Amino acid sequence: MVVGSTHPLARRRKLRLADLQGLDWVLPTPESAAYPSVQAWFKGEGLSLPRRRVESVSILTNLGLLTRSDAVALMPQSAAGQFAQAGLLRILPLGGLEPFSEVGYTLRSGHLPSALTRRFVSELHEVSDKTLRRR
């Protein structure tokens, strides 16, 4: 969970999801792999999805929204850490937040992937398998 570095909550040391309910949000799109987990997380906390939300899976779009507004967003930990280290975002101290989904990729429908694309996808699977074995 992240906010822009100048967000009013950026310096808070403890938060609950309910504390953020009335804010503007950036959430994954309904078609994304993370969306069902996001829905379940809110439901598990006894909350509905925020009404004031933008749905986006573009990290750069989300970064722009976060640095120019008081929105809160879910972001992959690796990206959030890099943006926080650069001073652009702050990671909120929100307990109970687990990774929502695994990394995925999209291939163009009706077209055979090139040899380079097949190699890239193979490498993604290999790295994913190694990562899962470490957990």
Foldseek 3Di string as FASTA:
>chain_A
DKAWLPAPQQPDDEDEVVVCQAFEEEEADPPDQLVVVVQVVQVVVVHGHRPRYHHDPDPVVVLVDRQVDNYYYDDPPVVQVVCVVVRGMGDGPYPPDDDRDDDDDDDDPPDDDDPVVVVVVVVVVVVVVVVVVVD
